[in-house]
C-alpha cells in the first residue's frame, strides 16, 4: 500500500544513504525494515512489561530489601 508521511530532511537523507549503500534505488525497503523492527520489539517490550506487572508484589518487603542490598554490593565490586 502506498502512503504519504512527513519526514525531517535529515531523516530522509539518512534513509537515502542507507538504501544507496545496499544498492537500492529508493528508501521504501529501509522504512519497511525499520517499521518491522520497531513493531517486533514493541510487542516484545509490551510482553515483558506485562510479565513484570504480573509479578508485582511477589516478594515481601524484606526479600526485596535483601535483593536490593545484594545488587548494590555487586555494583560496588
C-alpha atoms as a PDB file:
ATOM      1  CA  UNK A   1       0.000   0.000   0.000  1.00  0.00           C
ATOM      2  CA  UNK A   2       1.232   3.472  -0.757  1.00  0.00           C
ATOM      3  CA  UNK A   3       1.025   6.226   1.809  1.00  0.00           C
ATOM      4  CA  UNK A   4       2.464   9.644   2.483  1.00  0.00           C
ATOM      5  CA  UNK A   5       4.469  10.503   5.578  1.00  0.00           C
ATOM      6  CA  UNK A   6       6.267  13.662   6.633  1.00  0.00           C
ATOM      7  CA  UNK A   7       9.986  13.207   7.271  1.00  0.00           C
ATOM      8  CA  UNK A   8      12.618  15.543   8.579  1.00  0.00           C
ATOM      9  CA  UNK A   9      15.090  16.359   5.840  1.00  0.00           C
ATOM     10  CA  UNK A  10      17.963  14.767   7.786  1.00  0.00           C
ATOM     11  CA  UNK A  11      15.971  11.529   8.220  1.00  0.00           C
ATOM     12  CA  UNK A  12      15.188  11.427   4.505  1.00  0.00           C
ATOM     13  CA  UNK A  13      18.863  11.925   3.683  1.00  0.00           C
ATOM     14  CA  UNK A  14      19.909   9.148   6.057  1.00  0.00           C
ATOM     15  CA  UNK A  15      17.301   6.780   4.610  1.00  0.00           C
ATOM     16  CA  UNK A  16      18.596   7.505   1.099  1.00  0.00           C
ATOM     17  CA  UNK A  17      22.181   6.885   2.247  1.00  0.00           C
ATOM     18  CA  UNK A  18      21.262   3.527   3.813  1.00  0.00           C
ATOM     19  CA  UNK A  19      19.383   2.499   0.669  1.00  0.00           C
ATOM     20  CA  UNK A  20      22.276   3.561  -1.553  1.00  0.00           C
ATOM     21  CA  UNK A  21      24.770   1.507   0.471  1.00  0.00           C
ATOM     22  CA  UNK A  22      22.548  -1.520  -0.082  1.00  0.00           C
ATOM     23  CA  UNK A  23      22.210  -0.802  -3.785  1.00  0.00           C
ATOM     24  CA  UNK A  24      18.514   0.078  -3.576  1.00  0.00           C
ATOM     25  CA  UNK A  25      17.030   2.895  -5.626  1.00  0.00           C
ATOM     26  CA  UNK A  26      14.535   4.213  -3.096  1.00  0.00           C
ATOM     27  CA  UNK A  27      14.236   4.013   0.645  1.00  0.00           C
ATOM     28  CA  UNK A  28      10.886   2.206   0.913  1.00  0.00           C
ATOM     29  CA  UNK A  29      12.576  -1.073   1.854  1.00  0.00           C
ATOM     30  CA  UNK A  30      14.605   0.684   4.552  1.00  0.00           C
ATOM     31  CA  UNK A  31      11.421   2.176   6.034  1.00  0.00           C
ATOM     32  CA  UNK A  32       9.746  -1.242   5.858  1.00  0.00           C
ATOM     33  CA  UNK A  33      12.647  -2.895   7.713  1.00  0.00           C
ATOM     34  CA  UNK A  34      12.632  -0.160  10.354  1.00  0.00           C
ATOM     35  CA  UNK A  35       8.893  -0.492  10.847  1.00  0.00           C
ATOM     36  CA  UNK A  36       9.094  -4.283  11.183  1.00  0.00           C
ATOM     37  CA  UNK A  37      11.956  -3.939  13.696  1.00  0.00           C
ATOM     38  CA  UNK A  38      10.034  -1.381  15.747  1.00  0.00           C
ATOM     39  CA  UNK A  39       6.813  -3.387  15.780  1.00  0.00           C
ATOM     40  CA  UNK A  40       8.573  -6.644  16.691  1.00  0.00           C
ATOM     41  CA  UNK A  41      10.470  -5.024  19.583  1.00  0.00           C
ATOM     42  CA  UNK A  42       7.451  -3.029  20.711  1.00  0.00           C
ATOM     43  CA  UNK A  43       5.468  -6.254  21.113  1.00  0.00           C
ATOM     44  CA  UNK A  44       8.360  -7.911  22.980  1.00  0.00           C
ATOM     45  CA  UNK A  45       8.711  -4.909  25.289  1.00  0.00           C
ATOM     46  CA  UNK A  46       4.975  -4.883  25.987  1.00  0.00           C
ATOM     47  CA  UNK A  47       5.031  -8.597  26.811  1.00  0.00           C
ATOM     48  CA  UNK A  48       7.961  -8.057  29.195  1.00  0.00           C
ATOM     49  CA  UNK A  49       6.143  -5.143  30.849  1.00  0.00           C
ATOM     50  CA  UNK A  50       3.025  -7.266  31.371  1.00  0.00           C
ATOM     51  CA  UNK A  51       5.108 -10.124  32.809  1.00  0.00           C
ATOM     52  CA  UNK A  52       6.767  -7.752  35.271  1.00  0.00           C
ATOM     53  CA  UNK A  53       3.454  -6.236  36.321  1.00  0.00           C
ATOM     54  CA  UNK A  54       2.043  -9.731  36.893  1.00  0.00           C
ATOM     55  CA  UNK A  55       4.868 -10.357  39.376  1.00  0.00           C
ATOM     56  CA  UNK A  56       4.286  -7.136  41.299  1.00  0.00           C
ATOM     57  CA  UNK A  57       4.123  -7.918  44.990  1.00  0.00           C
ATOM     58  CA  UNK A  58       5.622 -11.382  44.572  1.00  0.00           C
ATOM     59  CA  UNK A  59       8.440 -10.557  47.025  1.00  0.00           C
ATOM     60  CA  UNK A  60       7.922  -9.441  50.572  1.00  0.00           C
ATOM     61  CA  UNK A  61       9.420  -6.110  51.608  1.00  0.00           C
ATOM     62  CA  UNK A  62      12.171  -7.977  53.458  1.00  0.00           C
ATOM     63  CA  UNK A  63      13.046 -10.094  50.387  1.00  0.00           C
ATOM     64  CA  UNK A  64      13.052  -7.026  48.162  1.00  0.00           C
ATOM     65  CA  UNK A  65      15.417  -5.186  50.515  1.00  0.00           C
ATOM     66  CA  UNK A  66      17.742  -8.213  50.613  1.00  0.00           C
ATOM     67  CA  UNK A  67      17.848  -8.282  46.806  1.00  0.00           C
ATOM     68  CA  UNK A  68      18.467  -4.512  46.627  1.00  0.00           C
ATOM     69  CA  UNK A  69      21.389  -4.894  49.054  1.00  0.00           C
ATOM     70  CA  UNK A  70      22.841  -7.767  47.019  1.00  0.00           C
ATOM     71  CA  UNK A  71      22.585  -5.735  43.809  1.00  0.00           C
ATOM     72  CA  UNK A  72      24.227  -2.728  45.488  1.00  0.00           C
ATOM     73  CA  UNK A  73      27.071  -4.976  46.632  1.00  0.00           C
ATOM     74  CA  UNK A  74      27.532  -6.305  43.095  1.00  0.00           C
ATOM     75  CA  UNK A  75      27.664  -2.745  41.761  1.00  0.00           C
ATOM     76  CA  UNK A  76      30.439  -1.904  44.243  1.00  0.00           C
ATOM     77  CA  UNK A  77      32.536  -4.823  43.066  1.00  0.00           C
END
